[in-house]
Amino acid sequence: MCMNALLLAPPDLALDDVAEVERQNPASYTGDMTTNPTATIRVPIRTRKLLGYLAKWQGVSVSSYLTTLVKEQWHEAVIAAVREEVLMDEANPEAAAEYALWEETWDEIPE
């Protein structure tokens, strides 16, 4: 998602040109920022300006964009943890035996 926005950025847009990024893509804010408690997160100006550009490209506020990114990362982390757990179980003979027993007795579970 982010990479697509970067690829669509004007070719002459230098990420270090903070003033130009700010002029072309000011960060937007929504009513959500006034109704919910907020916090300041210190990031380099270049990062803040790039977030502003990416959020504008997505048609959302910087706050909404960051919230979406964090939720996506959280979801990916949970899936990765489950995948790792399954791989660990598959490598464990005791867990494999337990799964085999579960599969054998599945039909015996009363409904």
PDB file of N, CA and C in Angstrom:
ATOM      1  N   MET A   1       0.832  -1.186   0.000  1.00  0.00           N
ATOM      2  CA  MET A   1       0.000   0.000   0.000  1.00  0.00           C
ATOM      3  C   MET A   1       0.877   1.250   0.000  1.00  0.00           C
ATOM      4  N   CYS A   2       1.796   1.371   0.917  1.00  0.00           N
ATOM      5  CA  CYS A   2       2.656   2.551   0.988  1.00  0.00           C
ATOM      6  C   CYS A   2       3.531   2.669  -0.243  1.00  0.00           C
ATOM      7  N   MET A   3       4.049   1.541  -0.700  1.00  0.00           N
ATOM      8  CA  MET A   3       4.955   1.567  -1.842  1.00  0.00           C
ATOM      9  C   MET A   3       4.242   2.107  -3.070  1.00  0.00           C
ATOM     10  N   ASN A   4       2.964   1.735  -3.270  1.00  0.00           N
ATOM     11  CA  ASN A   4       2.214   2.241  -4.415  1.00  0.00           C
ATOM     12  C   ASN A   4       2.121   3.761  -4.373  1.00  0.00           C
ATOM     13  N   ALA A   5       1.880   4.303  -3.183  1.00  0.00           N
ATOM     14  CA  ALA A   5       1.789   5.750  -3.056  1.00  0.00           C
ATOM     15  C   ALA A   5       3.114   6.401  -3.403  1.00  0.00           C
ATOM     16  N   LEU A   6       4.201   5.779  -2.980  1.00  0.00           N
ATOM     17  CA  LEU A   6       5.517   6.339  -3.292  1.00  0.00           C
ATOM     18  C   LEU A   6       5.786   6.285  -4.793  1.00  0.00           C
ATOM     19  N   LEU A   7       5.358   5.204  -5.431  1.00  0.00           N
ATOM     20  CA  LEU A   7       5.585   5.089  -6.864  1.00  0.00           C
ATOM     21  C   LEU A   7       4.780   6.121  -7.641  1.00  0.00           C
ATOM     22  N   LEU A   8       3.632   6.535  -7.090  1.00  0.00           N
ATOM     23  CA  LEU A   8       2.794   7.518  -7.765  1.00  0.00           C
ATOM     24  C   LEU A   8       3.187   8.955  -7.424  1.00  0.00           C
ATOM     25  N   ALA A   9       4.117   9.118  -6.500  1.00  0.00           N
ATOM     26  CA  ALA A   9       4.573  10.462  -6.136  1.00  0.00           C
ATOM     27  C   ALA A   9       5.251  11.088  -7.345  1.00  0.00           C
ATOM     28  N   PRO A  10       5.159  12.411  -7.463  1.00  0.00           N
ATOM     29  CA  PRO A  10       5.832  13.069  -8.580  1.00  0.00           C
ATOM     30  C   PRO A  10       7.315  12.706  -8.585  1.00  0.00           C
ATOM     31  N   PRO A  11       7.888  12.419  -9.764  1.00  0.00           N
ATOM     32  CA  PRO A  11       9.280  11.990  -9.828  1.00  0.00           C
ATOM     33  C   PRO A  11      10.266  13.033  -9.312  1.00  0.00           C
ATOM     34  N   ASP A  12       9.885  14.294  -9.362  1.00  0.00           N
ATOM     35  CA  ASP A  12      10.789  15.347  -8.910  1.00  0.00           C
ATOM     36  C   ASP A  12      10.641  15.636  -7.419  1.00  0.00           C
ATOM     37  N   LEU A  13       9.800  14.874  -6.707  1.00  0.00           N
ATOM     38  CA  LEU A  13       9.570  15.098  -5.282  1.00  0.00           C
ATOM     39  C   LEU A  13      10.657  14.404  -4.482  1.00  0.00           C
ATOM     40  N   ALA A  14      11.537  15.176  -3.884  1.00  0.00           N
ATOM     41  CA  ALA A  14      12.618  14.627  -3.062  1.00  0.00           C
ATOM     42  C   ALA A  14      12.108  14.471  -1.635  1.00  0.00           C
ATOM     43  N   LEU A  15      12.345  13.306  -1.040  1.00  0.00           N
ATOM     44  CA  LEU A  15      11.857  13.073   0.315  1.00  0.00           C
ATOM     45  C   LEU A  15      12.498  14.023   1.314  1.00  0.00           C
ATOM     46  N   ASP A  16      13.676  14.520   0.996  1.00  0.00           N
ATOM     47  CA  ASP A  16      14.345  15.446   1.902  1.00  0.00           C
ATOM     48  C   ASP A  16      13.826  16.873   1.765  1.00  0.00           C
ATOM     49  N   ASP A  17      13.056  17.139   0.739  1.00  0.00           N
ATOM     50  CA  ASP A  17      12.553  18.491   0.511  1.00  0.00           C
ATOM     51  C   ASP A  17      11.291  18.704   1.340  1.00  0.00           C
ATOM     52  N   VAL A  18      11.474  18.913   2.623  1.00  0.00           N
ATOM     53  CA  VAL A  18      10.375  19.017   3.573  1.00  0.00           C
ATOM     54  C   VAL A  18       9.409  20.131   3.197  1.00  0.00           C
ATOM     55  N   ALA A  19       9.904  21.275   2.841  1.00  0.00           N
ATOM     56  CA  ALA A  19       9.033  22.408   2.524  1.00  0.00           C
ATOM     57  C   ALA A  19       8.149  22.094   1.326  1.00  0.00           C
ATOM     58  N   GLU A  20       8.697  21.431   0.330  1.00  0.00           N
ATOM     59  CA  GLU A  20       7.913  21.109  -0.865  1.00  0.00           C
ATOM     60  C   GLU A  20       6.846  20.063  -0.553  1.00  0.00           C
ATOM     61  N   VAL A  21       7.198  19.069   0.228  1.00  0.00           N
ATOM     62  CA  VAL A  21       6.215  18.054   0.603  1.00  0.00           C
ATOM     63  C   VAL A  21       5.096  18.702   1.397  1.00  0.00           C
ATOM     64  N   GLU A  22       5.448  19.582   2.327  1.00  0.00           N
ATOM     65  CA  GLU A  22       4.438  20.254   3.138  1.00  0.00           C
ATOM     66  C   GLU A  22       3.537  21.137   2.282  1.00  0.00           C
ATOM     67  N   ARG A  23       4.123  21.836   1.326  1.00  0.00           N
ATOM     68  CA  ARG A  23       3.331  22.712   0.462  1.00  0.00           C
ATOM     69  C   ARG A  23       2.349  21.896  -0.376  1.00  0.00           C
ATOM     70  N   GLN A  24       2.801  20.785  -0.928  1.00  0.00           N
ATOM     71  CA  GLN A  24       1.955  19.980  -1.801  1.00  0.00           C
ATOM     72  C   GLN A  24       0.969  19.107  -1.034  1.00  0.00           C
ATOM     73  N   ASN A  25       1.373  18.651   0.151  1.00  0.00           N
ATOM     74  CA  ASN A  25       0.582  17.665   0.870  1.00  0.00           C
ATOM     75  C   ASN A  25       0.491  17.970   2.350  1.00  0.00           C
ATOM     76  N   PRO A  26      -0.219  19.000   2.732  1.00  0.00           N
ATOM     77  CA  PRO A  26      -0.324  19.286   4.160  1.00  0.00           C
ATOM     78  C   PRO A  26      -1.067  18.162   4.865  1.00  0.00           C
ATOM     79  N   ALA A  27      -0.664  17.857   6.090  1.00  0.00           N
ATOM     80  CA  ALA A  27      -1.334  16.827   6.872  1.00  0.00           C
ATOM     81  C   ALA A  27      -2.761  17.260   7.141  1.00  0.00           C
ATOM     82  N   SER A  28      -3.674  16.323   7.110  1.00  0.00           N
ATOM     83  CA  SER A  28      -5.064  16.657   7.397  1.00  0.00           C
ATOM     84  C   SER A  28      -5.457  16.033   8.732  1.00  0.00           C
ATOM     85  N   TYR A  29      -6.412  16.637   9.365  1.00  0.00           N
ATOM     86  CA  TYR A  29      -6.880  16.155  10.655  1.00  0.00           C
ATOM     87  C   TYR A  29      -8.392  16.087  10.613  1.00  0.00           C
ATOM     88  N   THR A  30      -8.951  15.171  11.358  1.00  0.00           N
ATOM     89  CA  THR A  30     -10.401  14.997  11.350  1.00  0.00           C
ATOM     90  C   THR A  30     -10.956  15.274  12.732  1.00  0.00           C
ATOM     91  N   GLY A  31     -12.277  15.241  12.825  1.00  0.00           N
ATOM     92  CA  GLY A  31     -12.942  15.434  14.102  1.00  0.00           C
ATOM     93  C   GLY A  31     -12.567  14.375  15.113  1.00  0.00           C
ATOM     94  N   ASP A  32     -12.105  13.209  14.639  1.00  0.00           N
ATOM     95  CA  ASP A  32     -11.716  12.136  15.537  1.00  0.00           C
ATOM     96  C   ASP A  32     -10.606  12.586  16.483  1.00  0.00           C
ATOM     97  N   MET A  33      -9.741  13.471  16.008  1.00  0.00           N
ATOM     98  CA  MET A  33      -8.631  13.924  16.841  1.00  0.00           C
ATOM     99  C   MET A  33      -9.101  14.868  17.939  1.00  0.00           C
ATOM    100  N   THR A  34     -10.268  15.465  17.760  1.00  0.00           N
ATOM    101  CA  THR A  34     -10.754  16.369  18.798  1.00  0.00           C
ATOM    102  C   THR A  34     -11.658  15.654  19.791  1.00  0.00           C
ATOM    103  N   THR A  35     -12.184  14.483  19.418  1.00  0.00           N
ATOM    104  CA  THR A  35     -13.092  13.775  20.311  1.00  0.00           C
ATOM    105  C   THR A  35     -12.399  12.697  21.131  1.00  0.00           C
ATOM    106  N   ASN A  36     -11.230  12.263  20.716  1.00  0.00           N
ATOM    107  CA  ASN A  36     -10.496  11.231  21.441  1.00  0.00           C
ATOM    108  C   ASN A  36      -9.209  11.814  22.000  1.00  0.00           C
ATOM    109  N   PRO A  37      -8.768  11.289  23.145  1.00  0.00           N
ATOM    110  CA  PRO A  37      -7.489  11.753  23.672  1.00  0.00           C
ATOM    111  C   PRO A  37      -6.371  11.469  22.656  1.00  0.00           C
ATOM    112  N   THR A  38      -5.436  12.363  22.562  1.00  0.00           N
ATOM    113  CA  THR A  38      -4.326  12.195  21.627  1.00  0.00           C
ATOM    114  C   THR A  38      -3.009  12.255  22.377  1.00  0.00           C
ATOM    115  N   ALA A  39      -1.956  11.860  21.684  1.00  0.00           N
ATOM    116  CA  ALA A  39      -0.617  11.908  22.244  1.00  0.00           C
ATOM    117  C   ALA A  39       0.337  12.372  21.152  1.00  0.00           C
ATOM    118  N   THR A  40       1.420  12.953  21.560  1.00  0.00           N
ATOM    119  CA  THR A  40       2.433  13.384  20.615  1.00  0.00           C
ATOM    120  C   THR A  40       3.459  12.273  20.460  1.00  0.00           C
ATOM    121  N   ILE A  41       3.760  11.944  19.220  1.00  0.00           N
ATOM    122  CA  ILE A  41       4.792  10.960  18.928  1.00  0.00           C
ATOM    123  C   ILE A  41       5.883  11.698  18.164  1.00  0.00           C
ATOM    124  N   ARG A  42       7.071  11.692  18.698  1.00  0.00           N
ATOM    125  CA  ARG A  42       8.164  12.421  18.067  1.00  0.00           C
ATOM    126  C   ARG A  42       8.776  11.578  16.957  1.00  0.00           C
ATOM    127  N   VAL A  43       8.737  12.120  15.753  1.00  0.00           N
ATOM    128  CA  VAL A  43       9.348  11.481  14.585  1.00  0.00           C
ATOM    129  C   VAL A  43      10.121  12.548  13.829  1.00  0.00           C
ATOM    130  N   PRO A  44      11.064  12.137  13.006  1.00  0.00           N
ATOM    131  CA  PRO A  44      11.760  13.124  12.188  1.00  0.00           C
ATOM    132  C   PRO A  44      10.770  13.867  11.281  1.00  0.00           C
ATOM    133  N   ILE A  45      11.057  15.104  11.008  1.00  0.00           N
ATOM    134  CA  ILE A  45      10.174  15.919  10.167  1.00  0.00           C
ATOM    135  C   ILE A  45       9.939  15.238   8.827  1.00  0.00           C
ATOM    136  N   ARG A  46      10.981  14.676   8.264  1.00  0.00           N
ATOM    137  CA  ARG A  46      10.852  14.005   6.966  1.00  0.00           C
ATOM    138  C   ARG A  46       9.810  12.885   7.035  1.00  0.00           C
ATOM    139  N   THR A  47       9.823  12.119   8.120  1.00  0.00           N
ATOM    140  CA  THR A  47       8.857  11.042   8.297  1.00  0.00           C
ATOM    141  C   THR A  47       7.447  11.608   8.432  1.00  0.00           C
ATOM    142  N   ARG A  48       7.305  12.668   9.199  1.00  0.00           N
ATOM    143  CA  ARG A  48       5.982  13.287   9.384  1.00  0.00           C
ATOM    144  C   ARG A  48       5.432  13.788   8.061  1.00  0.00           C
ATOM    145  N   LYS A  49       6.277  14.399   7.266  1.00  0.00           N
ATOM    146  CA  LYS A  49       5.829  14.923   5.977  1.00  0.00           C
ATOM    147  C   LYS A  49       5.470  13.793   5.026  1.00  0.00           C
ATOM    148  N   LEU A  50       6.249  12.724   5.052  1.00  0.00           N
ATOM    149  CA  LEU A  50       5.945  11.582   4.203  1.00  0.00           C
ATOM    150  C   LEU A  50       4.625  10.940   4.632  1.00  0.00           C
ATOM    151  N   LEU A  51       4.387  10.838   5.932  1.00  0.00           N
ATOM    152  CA  LEU A  51       3.109  10.322   6.416  1.00  0.00           C
ATOM    153  C   LEU A  51       1.954  11.197   5.931  1.00  0.00           C
ATOM    154  N   GLY A  52       2.175  12.504   5.946  1.00  0.00           N
ATOM    155  CA  GLY A  52       1.153  13.426   5.446  1.00  0.00           C
ATOM    156  C   GLY A  52       0.851  13.179   3.978  1.00  0.00           C
ATOM    157  N   TYR A  53       1.890  12.966   3.189  1.00  0.00           N
ATOM    158  CA  TYR A  53       1.703  12.711   1.764  1.00  0.00           C
ATOM    159  C   TYR A  53       0.952  11.400   1.555  1.00  0.00           C
ATOM    160  N   LEU A  54       1.384  10.338   2.254  1.00  0.00           N
ATOM    161  CA  LEU A  54       0.752   9.033   2.087  1.00  0.00           C
ATOM    162  C   LEU A  54      -0.704   9.052   2.548  1.00  0.00           C
ATOM    163  N   ALA A  55      -0.974   9.742   3.649  1.00  0.00           N
ATOM    164  CA  ALA A  55      -2.351   9.844   4.136  1.00  0.00           C
ATOM    165  C   ALA A  55      -3.216  10.591   3.130  1.00  0.00           C
ATOM    166  N   LYS A  56      -2.695  11.672   2.599  1.00  0.00           N
ATOM    167  CA  LYS A  56      -3.467  12.438   1.622  1.00  0.00           C
ATOM    168  C   LYS A  56      -3.723  11.593   0.382  1.00  0.00           C
ATOM    169  N   TRP A  57      -2.731  10.822  -0.035  1.00  0.00           N
ATOM    170  CA  TRP A  57      -2.896   9.962  -1.196  1.00  0.00           C
ATOM    171  C   TRP A  57      -4.005   8.938  -0.954  1.00  0.00           C
ATOM    172  N   GLN A  58      -4.132   8.467   0.303  1.00  0.00           N
ATOM    173  CA  GLN A  58      -5.180   7.514   0.664  1.00  0.00           C
ATOM    174  C   GLN A  58      -6.521   8.208   0.903  1.00  0.00           C
ATOM    175  N   GLY A  59      -6.501   9.524   1.003  1.00  0.00           N
ATOM    176  CA  GLY A  59      -7.738  10.270   1.221  1.00  0.00           C
ATOM    177  C   GLY A  59      -8.212  10.249   2.662  1.00  0.00           C
ATOM    178  N   VAL A  60      -7.271  10.105   3.598  1.00  0.00           N
ATOM    179  CA  VAL A  60      -7.616  10.060   5.016  1.00  0.00           C
ATOM    180  C   VAL A  60      -6.700  11.003   5.793  1.00  0.00           C
ATOM    181  N   SER A  61      -7.004  11.175   7.058  1.00  0.00           N
ATOM    182  CA  SER A  61      -6.147  11.988   7.912  1.00  0.00           C
ATOM    183  C   SER A  61      -4.900  11.188   8.282  1.00  0.00           C
ATOM    184  N   VAL A  62      -3.885  11.894   8.751  1.00  0.00           N
ATOM    185  CA  VAL A  62      -2.671  11.231   9.215  1.00  0.00           C
ATOM    186  C   VAL A  62      -3.011  10.298  10.380  1.00  0.00           C
ATOM    187  N   SER A  63      -3.864  10.753  11.265  1.00  0.00           N
ATOM    188  CA  SER A  63      -4.274   9.936  12.405  1.00  0.00           C
ATOM    189  C   SER A  63      -4.934   8.643  11.939  1.00  0.00           C
ATOM    190  N   SER A  64      -5.863   8.738  11.013  1.00  0.00           N
ATOM    191  CA  SER A  64      -6.547   7.550  10.491  1.00  0.00           C
ATOM    192  C   SER A  64      -5.574   6.636   9.761  1.00  0.00           C
ATOM    193  N   TYR A  65      -4.665   7.233   9.017  1.00  0.00           N
ATOM    194  CA  TYR A  65      -3.688   6.449   8.271  1.00  0.00           C
ATOM    195  C   TYR A  65      -2.799   5.654   9.222  1.00  0.00           C
ATOM    196  N   LEU A  66      -2.300   6.314  10.277  1.00  0.00           N
ATOM    197  CA  LEU A  66      -1.461   5.620  11.256  1.00  0.00           C
ATOM    198  C   LEU A  66      -2.245   4.531  11.981  1.00  0.00           C
ATOM    199  N   THR A  67      -3.490   4.811  12.306  1.00  0.00           N
ATOM    200  CA  THR A  67      -4.330   3.810  12.971  1.00  0.00           C
ATOM    201  C   THR A  67      -4.478   2.579  12.088  1.00  0.00           C
ATOM    202  N   THR A  68      -4.715   2.789  10.813  1.00  0.00           N
ATOM    203  CA  THR A  68      -4.843   1.677   9.870  1.00  0.00           C
ATOM    204  C   THR A  68      -3.544   0.887   9.782  1.00  0.00           C
ATOM    205  N   LEU A  69      -2.415   1.594   9.684  1.00  0.00           N
ATOM    206  CA  LEU A  69      -1.127   0.903   9.616  1.00  0.00           C
ATOM    207  C   LEU A  69      -0.877   0.055  10.850  1.00  0.00           C
ATOM    208  N   VAL A  70      -1.179   0.603  12.010  1.00  0.00           N
ATOM    209  CA  VAL A  70      -0.948  -0.126  13.267  1.00  0.00           C
ATOM    210  C   VAL A  70      -1.852  -1.353  13.336  1.00  0.00           C
ATOM    211  N   LYS A  71      -3.119  -1.207  12.947  1.00  0.00           N
ATOM    212  CA  LYS A  71      -4.029  -2.354  12.965  1.00  0.00           C
ATOM    213  C   LYS A  71      -3.556  -3.438  12.002  1.00  0.00           C
ATOM    214  N   GLU A  72      -3.101  -3.038  10.821  1.00  0.00           N
ATOM    215  CA  GLU A  72      -2.584  -4.014   9.856  1.00  0.00           C
ATOM    216  C   GLU A  72      -1.356  -4.732  10.408  1.00  0.00           C
ATOM    217  N   GLN A  73      -0.444  -3.984  11.017  1.00  0.00           N
ATOM    218  CA  GLN A  73       0.754  -4.597  11.595  1.00  0.00           C
ATOM    219  C   GLN A  73       0.385  -5.539  12.729  1.00  0.00           C
ATOM    220  N   TRP A  74      -0.577  -5.147  13.555  1.00  0.00           N
ATOM    221  CA  TRP A  74      -1.014  -5.999  14.653  1.00  0.00           C
ATOM    222  C   TRP A  74      -1.596  -7.296  14.098  1.00  0.00           C
ATOM    223  N   HIS A  75      -2.442  -7.191  13.086  1.00  0.00           N
ATOM    224  CA  HIS A  75      -3.055  -8.362  12.470  1.00  0.00           C
ATOM    225  C   HIS A  75      -1.976  -9.288  11.898  1.00  0.00           C
ATOM    226  N   GLU A  76      -1.010  -8.725  11.206  1.00  0.00           N
ATOM    227  CA  GLU A  76       0.085  -9.523  10.643  1.00  0.00           C
ATOM    228  C   GLU A  76       0.910 -10.191  11.736  1.00  0.00           C
ATOM    229  N   ALA A  77       1.126  -9.490  12.849  1.00  0.00           N
ATOM    230  CA  ALA A  77       1.898 -10.063  13.954  1.00  0.00           C
ATOM    231  C   ALA A  77       1.156 -11.231  14.586  1.00  0.00           C
ATOM    232  N   VAL A  78      -0.161 -11.117  14.733  1.00  0.00           N
ATOM    233  CA  VAL A  78      -0.954 -12.208  15.304  1.00  0.00           C
ATOM    234  C   VAL A  78      -0.917 -13.416  14.382  1.00  0.00           C
ATOM    235  N   ILE A  79      -1.090 -13.195  13.088  1.00  0.00           N
ATOM    236  CA  ILE A  79      -1.047 -14.303  12.130  1.00  0.00           C
ATOM    237  C   ILE A  79       0.327 -14.968  12.144  1.00  0.00           C
ATOM    238  N   ALA A  80       1.387 -14.170  12.190  1.00  0.00           N
ATOM    239  CA  ALA A  80       2.743 -14.727  12.231  1.00  0.00           C
ATOM    240  C   ALA A  80       2.956 -15.550  13.501  1.00  0.00           C
ATOM    241  N   ALA A  81       2.432 -15.075  14.620  1.00  0.00           N
ATOM    242  CA  ALA A  81       2.588 -15.809  15.886  1.00  0.00           C
ATOM    243  C   ALA A  81       1.840 -17.142  15.829  1.00  0.00           C
ATOM    244  N   VAL A  82       0.644 -17.131  15.266  1.00  0.00           N
ATOM    245  CA  VAL A  82      -0.124 -18.374  15.140  1.00  0.00           C
ATOM    246  C   VAL A  82       0.595 -19.334  14.203  1.00  0.00           C
ATOM    247  N   ARG A  83       1.092 -18.813  13.088  1.00  0.00           N
ATOM    248  CA  ARG A  83       1.825 -19.644  12.127  1.00  0.00           C
ATOM    249  C   ARG A  83       3.055 -20.267  12.797  1.00  0.00           C
ATOM    250  N   GLU A  84       3.775 -19.468  13.574  1.00  0.00           N
ATOM    251  CA  GLU A  84       4.962 -19.977  14.273  1.00  0.00           C
ATOM    252  C   GLU A  84       4.581 -21.059  15.278  1.00  0.00           C
ATOM    253  N   GLU A  85       3.481 -20.845  15.981  1.00  0.00           N
ATOM    254  CA  GLU A  85       3.016 -21.828  16.961  1.00  0.00           C
ATOM    255  C   GLU A  85       2.651 -23.146  16.272  1.00  0.00           C
ATOM    256  N   VAL A  86       1.982 -23.056  15.135  1.00  0.00           N
ATOM    257  CA  VAL A  86       1.612 -24.265  14.389  1.00  0.00           C
ATOM    258  C   VAL A  86       2.865 -25.003  13.930  1.00  0.00           C
ATOM    259  N   LEU A  87       3.844 -24.265  13.422  1.00  0.00           N
ATOM    260  CA  LEU A  87       5.085 -24.902  12.984  1.00  0.00           C
ATOM    261  C   LEU A  87       5.817 -25.573  14.147  1.00  0.00           C
ATOM    262  N   MET A  88       5.800 -24.919  15.306  1.00  0.00           N
ATOM    263  CA  MET A  88       6.432 -25.510  16.484  1.00  0.00           C
ATOM    264  C   MET A  88       5.694 -26.783  16.904  1.00  0.00           C
ATOM    265  N   ASP A  89       4.356 -26.742  16.843  1.00  0.00           N
ATOM    266  CA  ASP A  89       3.576 -27.927  17.188  1.00  0.00           C
ATOM    267  C   ASP A  89       3.829 -29.069  16.220  1.00  0.00           C
ATOM    268  N   GLU A  90       3.928 -28.742  14.932  1.00  0.00           N
ATOM    269  CA  GLU A  90       4.173 -29.775  13.934  1.00  0.00           C
ATOM    270  C   GLU A  90       5.532 -30.442  14.140  1.00  0.00           C
ATOM    271  N   ALA A  91       6.490 -29.688  14.669  1.00  0.00           N
ATOM    272  CA  ALA A  91       7.829 -30.229  14.908  1.00  0.00           C
ATOM    273  C   ALA A  91       7.909 -31.000  16.223  1.00  0.00           C
ATOM    274  N   ASN A  92       6.899 -30.889  17.062  1.00  0.00           N
ATOM    275  CA  ASN A  92       6.885 -31.534  18.373  1.00  0.00           C
ATOM    276  C   ASN A  92       6.112 -32.857  18.268  1.00  0.00           C
ATOM    277  N   PRO A  93       6.767 -34.006  18.493  1.00  0.00           N
ATOM    278  CA  PRO A  93       6.092 -35.310  18.374  1.00  0.00           C
ATOM    279  C   PRO A  93       4.897 -35.456  19.327  1.00  0.00           C
ATOM    280  N   GLU A  94       5.009 -34.909  20.535  1.00  0.00           N
ATOM    281  CA  GLU A  94       3.897 -35.008  21.485  1.00  0.00           C
ATOM    282  C   GLU A  94       2.678 -34.245  20.987  1.00  0.00           C
ATOM    283  N   ALA A  95       2.906 -33.064  20.442  1.00  0.00           N
ATOM    284  CA  ALA A  95       1.796 -32.277  19.907  1.00  0.00           C
ATOM    285  C   ALA A  95       1.189 -32.967  18.690  1.00  0.00           C
ATOM    286  N   ALA A  96       2.032 -33.562  17.846  1.00  0.00           N
ATOM    287  CA  ALA A  96       1.536 -34.280  16.669  1.00  0.00           C
ATOM    288  C   ALA A  96       0.658 -35.454  17.094  1.00  0.00           C
ATOM    289  N   ALA A  97       1.070 -36.162  18.143  1.00  0.00           N
ATOM    290  CA  ALA A  97       0.274 -37.284  18.647  1.00  0.00           C
ATOM    291  C   ALA A  97      -1.060 -36.793  19.198  1.00  0.00           C
ATOM    292  N   GLU A  98      -1.049 -35.660  19.883  1.00  0.00           N
ATOM    293  CA  GLU A  98      -2.281 -35.105  20.430  1.00  0.00           C
ATOM    294  C   GLU A  98      -3.235 -34.701  19.309  1.00  0.00           C
ATOM    295  N   TYR A  99      -2.691 -34.067  18.262  1.00  0.00           N
ATOM    296  CA  TYR A  99      -3.525 -33.698  17.110  1.00  0.00           C
ATOM    297  C   TYR A  99      -4.103 -34.942  16.436  1.00  0.00           C
ATOM    298  N   ALA A 100      -3.295 -35.991  16.306  1.00  0.00           N
ATOM    299  CA  ALA A 100      -3.761 -37.225  15.686  1.00  0.00           C
ATOM    300  C   ALA A 100      -4.908 -37.831  16.508  1.00  0.00           C
ATOM    301  N   LEU A 101      -4.760 -37.834  17.838  1.00  0.00           N
ATOM    302  CA  LEU A 101      -5.814 -38.340  18.714  1.00  0.00           C
ATOM    303  C   LEU A 101      -7.083 -37.500  18.554  1.00  0.00           C
ATOM    304  N   TRP A 102      -6.920 -36.202  18.478  1.00  0.00           N
ATOM    305  CA  TRP A 102      -8.055 -35.300  18.302  1.00  0.00           C
ATOM    306  C   TRP A 102      -8.790 -35.627  17.005  1.00  0.00           C
ATOM    307  N   GLU A 103      -8.056 -35.825  15.928  1.00  0.00           N
ATOM    308  CA  GLU A 103      -8.664 -36.134  14.637  1.00  0.00           C
ATOM    309  C   GLU A 103      -9.380 -37.488  14.680  1.00  0.00           C
ATOM    310  N   GLU A 104      -8.789 -38.469  15.365  1.00  0.00           N
ATOM    311  CA  GLU A 104      -9.390 -39.804  15.461  1.00  0.00           C
ATOM    312  C   GLU A 104     -10.690 -39.796  16.266  1.00  0.00           C
ATOM    313  N   THR A 105     -10.747 -38.950  17.283  1.00  0.00           N
ATOM    314  CA  THR A 105     -11.916 -38.955  18.184  1.00  0.00           C
ATOM    315  C   THR A 105     -12.917 -37.850  17.873  1.00  0.00           C
ATOM    316  N   TRP A 106     -12.711 -37.125  16.811  1.00  0.00           N
ATOM    317  CA  TRP A 106     -13.578 -35.994  16.473  1.00  0.00           C
ATOM    318  C   TRP A 106     -15.031 -36.431  16.346  1.00  0.00           C
ATOM    319  N   ASP A 107     -15.266 -37.556  15.689  1.00  0.00           N
ATOM    320  CA  ASP A 107     -16.638 -38.014  15.473  1.00  0.00           C
ATOM    321  C   ASP A 107     -17.316 -38.484  16.760  1.00  0.00           C
ATOM    322  N   GLU A 108     -16.533 -38.754  17.798  1.00  0.00           N
ATOM    323  CA  GLU A 108     -17.083 -39.249  19.046  1.00  0.00           C
ATOM    324  C   GLU A 108     -17.582 -38.137  19.967  1.00  0.00           C
ATOM    325  N   ILE A 109     -17.321 -36.894  19.604  1.00  0.00           N
ATOM    326  CA  ILE A 109     -17.739 -35.756  20.454  1.00  0.00           C
ATOM    327  C   ILE A 109     -19.241 -35.570  20.304  1.00  0.00           C
ATOM    328  N   PRO A 110     -19.981 -35.608  21.419  1.00  0.00           N
ATOM    329  CA  PRO A 110     -21.446 -35.431  21.338  1.00  0.00           C
ATOM    330  C   PRO A 110     -21.788 -34.002  20.935  1.00  0.00           C
ATOM    331  N   GLU A 111     -22.863 -33.898  20.199  1.00  0.00           N
ATOM    332  CA  GLU A 111     -23.300 -32.552  19.760  1.00  0.00           C
ATOM    333  C   GLU A 111     -24.270 -31.940  20.719  1.00  0.00           C
TER     334      GLU A 111
END
